[in-house]
């Protein structure tokens, strides 16, 4: 009897090859903001200057007496000292426009320097007590010497701003070199003391309040070419000094040790920066009174457009801040015509929403 032979296992039938699956795309890299090149920065700067030129022409024609742009050009090219349009443009609106441009540039540059100097994105020109010193000097001069003219206000305000800045520098230095945190704390303390001093003066003397409050609110009304000539040397000196400090401030943004290794001198740079801010902000405040939000909001917009280079930030701030200031002045003349709303009030309404939009739209850069 034969034994059964076990069946040989059969090989499994080959399975058809599955079609190749398309390779999955690599995960998308997070979108990066394109760096601001020199061409883009130049384009933003030229655009800001063009807008500033348009607003300057509008500023010459807008007011209680409206003047058409063609008539403004005719008045500028032809001398007619007896004409009403010629008198309005040359005696009032040209000085007012020039003061708006120079004061705006000063506030923009000084605000950019303050944020770089203290590494505080919320710093403005008043953080070092400069606005408080100018206000205290004007209030004291009004109470003690019966100041009534704009030209007297200018010199007292400049003196008060310089003294306050010197006190902040001394307090911020302490026993060593001044640091951003020490300067900010010293400026806050000095501003608080000066504000209390001003409030005490105007409460004890109602006449001082009546004369002081018109300057304190910030206005271009009543200025003339002599007022522009008084503050222009201080503004030009401060602007040139600030632009020369752009490279050292870029180095200090990396830290004192790194900045010193790159050739910057932290103590000297901070002292010269404080001098530039005092000249710019002191002269601007002396000319038109304290104006809020321009020096705070405009440098953030400039930094958003041109990147972290302090030299370009100051240049673009010097063009954008006059745009905001002239726009506010023109709007103030139109809202209550034939009367006008002071420019310090309008900048608060325009600057605050601009700053809020910048804060909500992106994170404020750490300085």
Protein backbone atom coordinates (compact mmCIF):
# COMPACT_ATOMS: atom_id res chain seq x y z
CA UNK A 1 0.00 0.00 0.00
CA UNK A 2 1.53 3.25 -1.14
CA UNK A 3 1.65 6.26 1.13
CA UNK A 4 0.14 9.55 -0.18
CA UNK A 5 2.61 12.15 -1.23
CA UNK A 6 1.92 15.55 0.45
CA UNK A 7 0.91 18.28 -1.93
CA UNK A 8 3.62 20.81 -2.73
CA UNK A 9 2.58 24.26 -1.66
CA UNK A 10 1.88 26.42 -4.60
CA UNK A 11 3.48 29.84 -4.83
CA UNK A 12 1.19 32.73 -4.24
CA UNK A 13 0.11 34.46 -7.37
CA UNK A 14 1.98 37.72 -7.88
CA UNK A 15 -0.08 40.75 -7.00
CA UNK A 16 -0.23 43.55 -9.53
CA UNK A 17 2.04 46.44 -8.67
CA UNK A 18 0.19 49.43 -7.25
CA UNK A 19 0.54 52.60 -9.26
CA UNK A 20 3.16 55.02 -7.88
CA UNK A 21 1.72 57.55 -5.52
CA UNK A 22 2.56 61.16 -6.20
CA UNK A 23 5.08 62.52 -3.77
CA UNK A 24 3.45 64.71 -1.14
CA UNK A 25 4.61 68.30 -1.31
CA UNK A 26 6.90 69.42 1.47
CA UNK A 27 5.27 71.48 4.18
CA UNK A 28 5.08 75.09 3.23
CA UNK A 29 7.63 77.27 4.89
CA UNK A 30 6.24 80.13 6.91
CA UNK A 31 5.90 83.25 4.86
CA UNK A 32 8.69 85.66 5.47
CA UNK A 33 8.51 89.34 4.98
CA UNK A 34 10.68 90.46 2.10
CA UNK A 35 13.54 92.58 3.37
CA UNK A 36 13.36 96.24 2.54
CA UNK A 37 15.91 96.94 -0.17
CA UNK A 38 17.48 100.29 -0.90
CA UNK A 39 15.21 100.72 -3.92
CA UNK A 40 12.06 100.11 -1.88
CA UNK A 41 13.24 102.42 0.87
CA UNK A 42 14.00 105.14 -1.66
CA UNK A 43 10.58 104.66 -3.26
CA UNK A 44 8.83 105.07 0.12
CA UNK A 45 10.90 108.16 0.89
CA UNK A 46 10.17 109.78 -2.49
CA UNK A 47 6.48 108.95 -2.14
CA UNK A 48 6.35 110.56 1.30
CA UNK A 49 8.12 113.68 -0.02
CA UNK A 50 5.68 113.91 -2.95
CA UNK A 51 2.70 113.67 -0.59
CA UNK A 52 4.31 116.31 1.62
CA UNK A 53 4.62 118.67 -1.36
CA UNK A 54 0.93 118.23 -2.18
CA UNK A 55 -0.09 118.94 1.40
CA UNK A 56 2.17 122.00 1.52
CA UNK A 57 0.35 123.48 -1.50
CA UNK A 58 -3.01 122.69 0.10
CA UNK A 59 -1.85 124.30 3.34
CA UNK A 60 -1.19 127.57 1.46
CA UNK A 61 -4.71 127.63 0.05
CA UNK A 62 -6.90 126.33 2.89
CA UNK A 63 -8.17 128.53 5.69
CA UNK A 64 -10.85 130.99 6.62
CA UNK A 65 -10.23 132.50 3.17
CA UNK A 66 -9.90 129.77 0.54
CA UNK A 67 -7.45 130.37 -2.30
CA UNK A 68 -7.44 128.23 -5.45
CA UNK A 69 -4.17 126.39 -6.28
CA UNK A 70 -3.70 128.46 -9.43
CA UNK A 71 -4.07 131.67 -7.47
CA UNK A 72 -1.61 130.36 -4.87
CA UNK A 73 0.96 129.83 -7.62
CA UNK A 74 0.27 133.32 -8.98
CA UNK A 75 0.73 134.84 -5.54
CA UNK A 76 4.02 132.99 -5.07
CA UNK A 77 5.40 134.17 -8.41
CA UNK A 78 4.14 137.76 -8.46
CA UNK A 79 4.68 140.36 -5.77
CA UNK A 80 1.57 142.30 -4.73
CA UNK A 81 1.94 143.52 -1.11
CA UNK A 82 -1.50 145.18 -1.18
CA UNK A 83 -3.46 142.13 -2.31
CA UNK A 84 -5.43 140.21 0.30
CA UNK A 85 -4.36 136.83 -1.09
CA UNK A 86 -0.70 137.89 -1.13
CA UNK A 87 -0.89 139.08 2.49
CA UNK A 88 -2.65 135.90 3.65
CA UNK A 89 -0.17 133.59 1.91
CA UNK A 90 3.09 135.39 2.68
CA UNK A 91 2.38 136.71 6.16
CA UNK A 92 0.48 133.78 7.63
CA UNK A 93 0.34 130.57 5.61
CA UNK A 94 3.92 130.27 4.38
CA UNK A 95 5.38 130.63 7.91
CA UNK A 96 2.72 128.29 9.22
CA UNK A 97 3.46 125.67 6.58
CA UNK A 98 7.23 125.94 7.03
CA UNK A 99 6.82 125.60 10.77
CA UNK A 100 4.60 122.54 10.31
CA UNK A 101 7.21 120.89 8.07
CA UNK A 102 10.19 121.64 10.33
CA UNK A 103 8.40 120.84 13.59
CA UNK A 104 6.99 117.64 12.12
CA UNK A 105 10.44 116.51 10.95
CA UNK A 106 11.88 117.33 14.38
CA UNK A 107 9.21 115.33 16.20
CA UNK A 108 9.62 112.36 13.84
CA UNK A 109 13.41 112.22 14.15
CA UNK A 110 13.40 112.76 17.91
CA UNK A 111 10.75 110.06 18.38
CA UNK A 112 12.80 107.57 16.36
CA UNK A 113 15.90 108.44 18.37
CA UNK A 114 14.05 108.11 21.66
CA UNK A 115 12.83 104.61 20.80
CA UNK A 116 16.33 103.58 19.74
CA UNK A 117 18.02 105.26 22.71
CA UNK A 118 15.79 103.69 25.37
CA UNK A 119 15.02 100.48 23.43
CA UNK A 120 11.41 101.12 24.32
CA UNK A 121 8.82 100.90 21.51
CA UNK A 122 6.44 103.09 23.53
CA UNK A 123 8.95 105.92 24.02
CA UNK A 124 8.18 109.37 22.69
CA UNK A 125 10.09 112.68 22.87
CA UNK A 126 8.44 113.55 26.16
CA UNK A 127 9.81 110.50 27.99
CA UNK A 128 13.04 112.28 28.97
CA UNK A 129 11.22 115.18 30.58
CA UNK A 130 11.85 117.57 27.68
CA UNK A 131 8.20 118.47 27.16
CA UNK A 132 7.71 118.78 30.90
CA UNK A 133 10.74 121.06 31.24
CA UNK A 134 9.53 123.32 28.44
CA UNK A 135 6.02 123.51 29.92
CA UNK A 136 7.34 124.23 33.42
CA UNK A 137 9.58 127.04 32.17
CA UNK A 138 6.77 128.64 30.16
CA UNK A 139 4.36 128.40 33.10
CA UNK A 140 6.94 129.85 35.51
CA UNK A 141 7.82 132.66 33.10
CA UNK A 142 4.17 133.48 32.59
CA UNK A 143 3.51 133.63 36.33
CA UNK A 144 6.69 135.49 37.36
CA UNK A 145 7.47 137.71 34.38
CA UNK A 146 4.01 138.10 32.80
CA UNK A 147 5.03 136.57 29.46
CA UNK A 148 2.55 137.32 26.71
CA UNK A 149 4.38 137.04 23.39
CA UNK A 150 5.20 133.97 21.39
CA UNK A 151 8.87 134.96 21.08
CA UNK A 152 9.28 135.06 24.86
CA UNK A 153 7.69 131.61 25.15
CA UNK A 154 10.27 130.17 22.75
CA UNK A 155 13.34 131.11 24.77
CA UNK A 156 11.86 130.07 28.11
CA UNK A 157 10.73 126.75 26.66
CA UNK A 158 14.16 126.05 25.18
CA UNK A 159 15.83 126.81 28.50
CA UNK A 160 13.42 124.59 30.42
CA UNK A 161 13.86 121.70 27.97
CA UNK A 162 17.66 121.91 28.21
CA UNK A 163 17.65 121.99 32.03
CA UNK A 164 15.25 119.04 32.26
CA UNK A 165 17.32 116.98 29.82
CA UNK A 166 20.50 117.72 31.80
CA UNK A 167 18.84 116.64 35.07
CA UNK A 168 17.62 113.42 33.46
CA UNK A 169 21.12 112.70 32.14
CA UNK A 170 22.64 113.24 35.60
CA UNK A 171 20.02 111.12 37.36
CA UNK A 172 20.11 108.42 34.71
CA UNK A 173 23.87 108.14 34.93
CA UNK A 174 23.93 107.68 38.69
CA UNK A 175 27.31 106.31 39.72
CA UNK A 176 27.96 104.71 36.36
CA UNK A 177 27.11 105.12 32.69
CA UNK A 178 23.56 105.99 31.73
CA UNK A 179 21.55 102.99 30.54
CA UNK A 180 18.24 102.92 28.63
CA UNK A 181 16.32 101.78 31.71
CA UNK A 182 17.88 104.43 33.96
CA UNK A 183 17.18 107.20 31.45
CA UNK A 184 13.55 106.13 31.09
CA UNK A 185 13.01 105.95 34.85
CA UNK A 186 14.74 109.28 35.46
CA UNK A 187 12.70 110.92 32.69
CA UNK A 188 9.45 109.58 34.12
CA UNK A 189 10.30 110.87 37.60
CA UNK A 190 11.34 114.31 36.36
CA UNK A 191 8.21 114.58 34.19
CA UNK A 192 5.99 113.74 37.17
CA UNK A 193 7.61 116.43 39.33
CA UNK A 194 7.42 119.07 36.57
CA UNK A 195 3.80 118.24 35.82
CA UNK A 196 2.88 118.70 39.47
CA UNK A 197 4.75 122.03 39.47
CA UNK A 198 2.86 123.27 36.40
CA UNK A 199 -0.50 122.19 37.82
CA UNK A 200 0.22 124.01 41.07
CA UNK A 201 1.10 127.22 39.24
CA UNK A 202 -1.94 127.32 37.01
CA UNK A 203 -4.29 126.46 39.89
CA UNK A 204 -2.91 129.19 42.13
CA UNK A 205 -2.91 131.85 39.40
CA UNK A 206 -5.94 131.85 37.03
CA UNK A 207 -4.31 134.49 34.80
CA UNK A 208 -1.37 132.17 34.23
CA UNK A 209 -3.80 129.43 33.24
CA UNK A 210 -5.53 131.67 30.70
CA UNK A 211 -2.26 132.59 28.98
CA UNK A 212 -0.58 129.20 29.34
CA UNK A 213 -3.36 126.89 28.12
CA UNK A 214 -3.32 128.31 24.58
CA UNK A 215 0.34 127.34 24.18
CA UNK A 216 -0.06 124.02 26.02
CA UNK A 217 -2.65 122.61 23.62
CA UNK A 218 -0.32 122.88 20.59
CA UNK A 219 -1.10 125.33 17.80
CA UNK A 220 0.31 126.88 14.61
CA UNK A 221 -1.97 129.90 14.76
CA UNK A 222 -0.33 133.28 15.11
CA UNK A 223 3.17 132.26 14.01
CA UNK A 224 5.24 134.43 11.69
CA UNK A 225 8.53 134.19 9.81
CA UNK A 226 10.46 135.50 12.83
CA UNK A 227 9.25 132.55 14.90
CA UNK A 228 10.44 130.13 12.22
CA UNK A 229 13.82 131.84 12.16
CA UNK A 230 14.15 131.55 15.94
CA UNK A 231 13.81 127.79 16.12
CA UNK A 232 15.25 126.79 12.73
CA UNK A 233 18.95 126.81 13.79
CA UNK A 234 18.20 124.50 16.73
CA UNK A 235 16.17 122.15 14.53
CA UNK A 236 18.80 121.97 11.80
CA UNK A 237 21.62 121.36 14.29
CA UNK A 238 19.66 118.61 16.03
CA UNK A 239 18.68 116.96 12.72
CA UNK A 240 22.26 116.86 11.40
CA UNK A 241 23.56 115.47 14.71
CA UNK A 242 20.81 112.83 14.77
CA UNK A 243 21.57 111.62 11.24
CA UNK A 244 25.28 111.38 12.08
CA UNK A 245 24.39 109.13 15.04
CA UNK A 246 22.44 106.66 12.91
CA UNK A 247 25.29 104.17 12.51
CA UNK A 248 26.32 104.14 16.23
CA UNK A 249 22.66 103.65 17.22
CA UNK A 250 22.47 100.66 14.87
CA UNK A 251 25.49 99.19 16.63
CA UNK A 252 24.07 99.82 20.13
CA UNK A 253 20.84 98.04 19.13
CA UNK A 254 22.88 94.81 19.33
CA UNK A 255 23.86 95.54 22.94
CA UNK A 256 26.51 97.66 24.58
CA UNK A 257 29.23 95.01 24.42
CA UNK A 258 28.63 94.19 20.77
CA UNK A 259 28.27 97.86 19.90
CA UNK A 260 31.56 98.65 21.59
CA UNK A 261 33.21 95.83 19.65
CA UNK A 262 31.85 97.34 16.43
CA UNK A 263 33.46 100.67 17.23
CA UNK A 264 30.60 102.53 18.93
CA UNK A 265 31.01 104.30 22.27
CA UNK A 266 27.80 103.71 24.27
CA UNK A 267 28.20 106.55 26.79
CA UNK A 268 29.18 109.13 24.18
CA UNK A 269 26.47 107.99 21.76
CA UNK A 270 23.77 108.27 24.44
CA UNK A 271 24.98 111.71 25.55
CA UNK A 272 25.03 113.04 21.97
CA UNK A 273 21.65 111.42 21.25
CA UNK A 274 20.19 113.12 24.31
CA UNK A 275 21.60 116.43 23.07
CA UNK A 276 20.06 115.91 19.62
CA UNK A 277 16.67 114.99 21.12
CA UNK A 278 16.80 118.06 23.37
CA UNK A 279 17.52 120.38 20.44
CA UNK A 280 14.84 118.83 18.22
CA UNK A 281 12.06 118.26 20.73
CA UNK A 282 12.87 121.35 22.80
CA UNK A 283 12.75 123.69 19.81
CA UNK A 284 9.62 122.04 18.40
CA UNK A 285 7.81 122.21 21.73
CA UNK A 286 8.93 125.79 22.25
CA UNK A 287 7.55 126.79 18.87
CA UNK A 288 4.10 125.18 18.91
CA UNK A 289 3.62 123.62 22.33
CA UNK A 290 3.54 119.89 23.16
CA UNK A 291 1.98 117.80 20.37
CA UNK A 292 1.08 114.20 21.15
CA UNK A 293 1.40 110.94 19.19
CA UNK A 294 3.45 112.25 16.24
CA UNK A 295 6.80 111.23 17.70
CA UNK A 296 5.28 108.01 19.03
CA UNK A 297 3.36 106.62 16.06
CA UNK A 298 5.35 107.79 13.01
CA UNK A 299 8.64 105.94 13.82
CA UNK A 300 6.69 102.66 14.05
CA UNK A 301 5.25 103.23 10.59
CA UNK A 302 8.70 104.13 9.24
CA UNK A 303 10.22 101.01 10.81
CA UNK A 304 7.46 98.88 9.28
CA UNK A 305 8.20 100.28 5.81
CA UNK A 306 12.00 100.41 5.75
CA UNK A 307 13.26 97.85 8.28
CA UNK A 308 15.46 98.24 11.34
CA UNK A 309 18.18 100.51 9.90
CA UNK A 310 18.07 103.58 12.14
CA UNK A 311 19.36 105.89 9.41
CA UNK A 312 16.45 105.09 7.11
CA UNK A 313 13.97 105.17 9.99
CA UNK A 314 15.00 108.74 10.82
CA UNK A 315 14.93 109.84 7.17
CA UNK A 316 11.48 108.36 6.57
CA UNK A 317 10.19 109.69 9.90
CA UNK A 318 11.41 113.16 8.91
CA UNK A 319 9.19 112.94 5.80
CA UNK A 320 6.15 111.15 7.26
CA UNK A 321 5.76 113.20 10.46
CA UNK A 322 5.27 116.51 8.57
CA UNK A 323 2.69 114.72 6.40
CA UNK A 324 0.69 113.80 9.50
CA UNK A 325 1.15 117.24 11.05
CA UNK A 326 0.16 119.23 7.94
CA UNK A 327 -2.81 116.93 7.33
CA UNK A 328 -3.95 117.54 10.91
CA UNK A 329 -3.50 121.30 10.54
CA UNK A 330 -5.46 121.41 7.27
CA UNK A 331 -8.23 119.28 8.76
CA UNK A 332 -8.39 121.53 11.82
CA UNK A 333 -8.87 124.59 9.58
CA UNK A 334 -11.69 122.91 7.65
CA UNK A 335 -13.72 121.37 10.47
CA UNK A 336 -14.75 124.59 12.24
CA UNK A 337 -14.39 127.13 9.43
CA UNK A 338 -14.12 130.14 9.76
CA UNK A 339 -12.72 129.19 13.21
CA UNK A 340 -10.18 126.37 13.54
CA UNK A 341 -9.42 123.38 15.71
CA UNK A 342 -5.94 123.40 17.21
CA UNK A 343 -3.45 121.02 15.62
CA UNK A 344 -2.60 119.37 18.95
CA UNK A 345 -6.21 118.20 19.29
CA UNK A 346 -6.39 116.85 15.74
CA UNK A 347 -3.10 114.93 15.98
CA UNK A 348 -4.41 113.16 19.07
CA UNK A 349 -7.48 112.02 17.12
CA UNK A 350 -5.42 110.99 14.07
CA UNK A 351 -2.34 109.59 15.80
CA UNK A 352 -4.10 107.38 18.33
CA UNK A 353 -6.02 105.26 15.75
CA UNK A 354 -2.87 105.01 13.63
CA UNK A 355 -0.88 103.73 16.58
CA UNK A 356 -3.64 101.29 17.58
CA UNK A 357 -3.74 99.93 14.01
CA UNK A 358 0.01 99.39 14.05
CA UNK A 359 -0.17 97.59 17.38
CA UNK A 360 -3.07 95.33 16.34
CA UNK A 361 -1.76 94.67 12.85
CA UNK A 362 1.61 93.25 13.90
CA UNK A 363 3.73 92.83 16.96
CA UNK A 364 5.78 95.85 17.93
CA UNK A 365 9.41 95.14 17.26
CA UNK A 366 11.65 94.71 20.26
CA UNK A 367 14.23 97.48 20.23
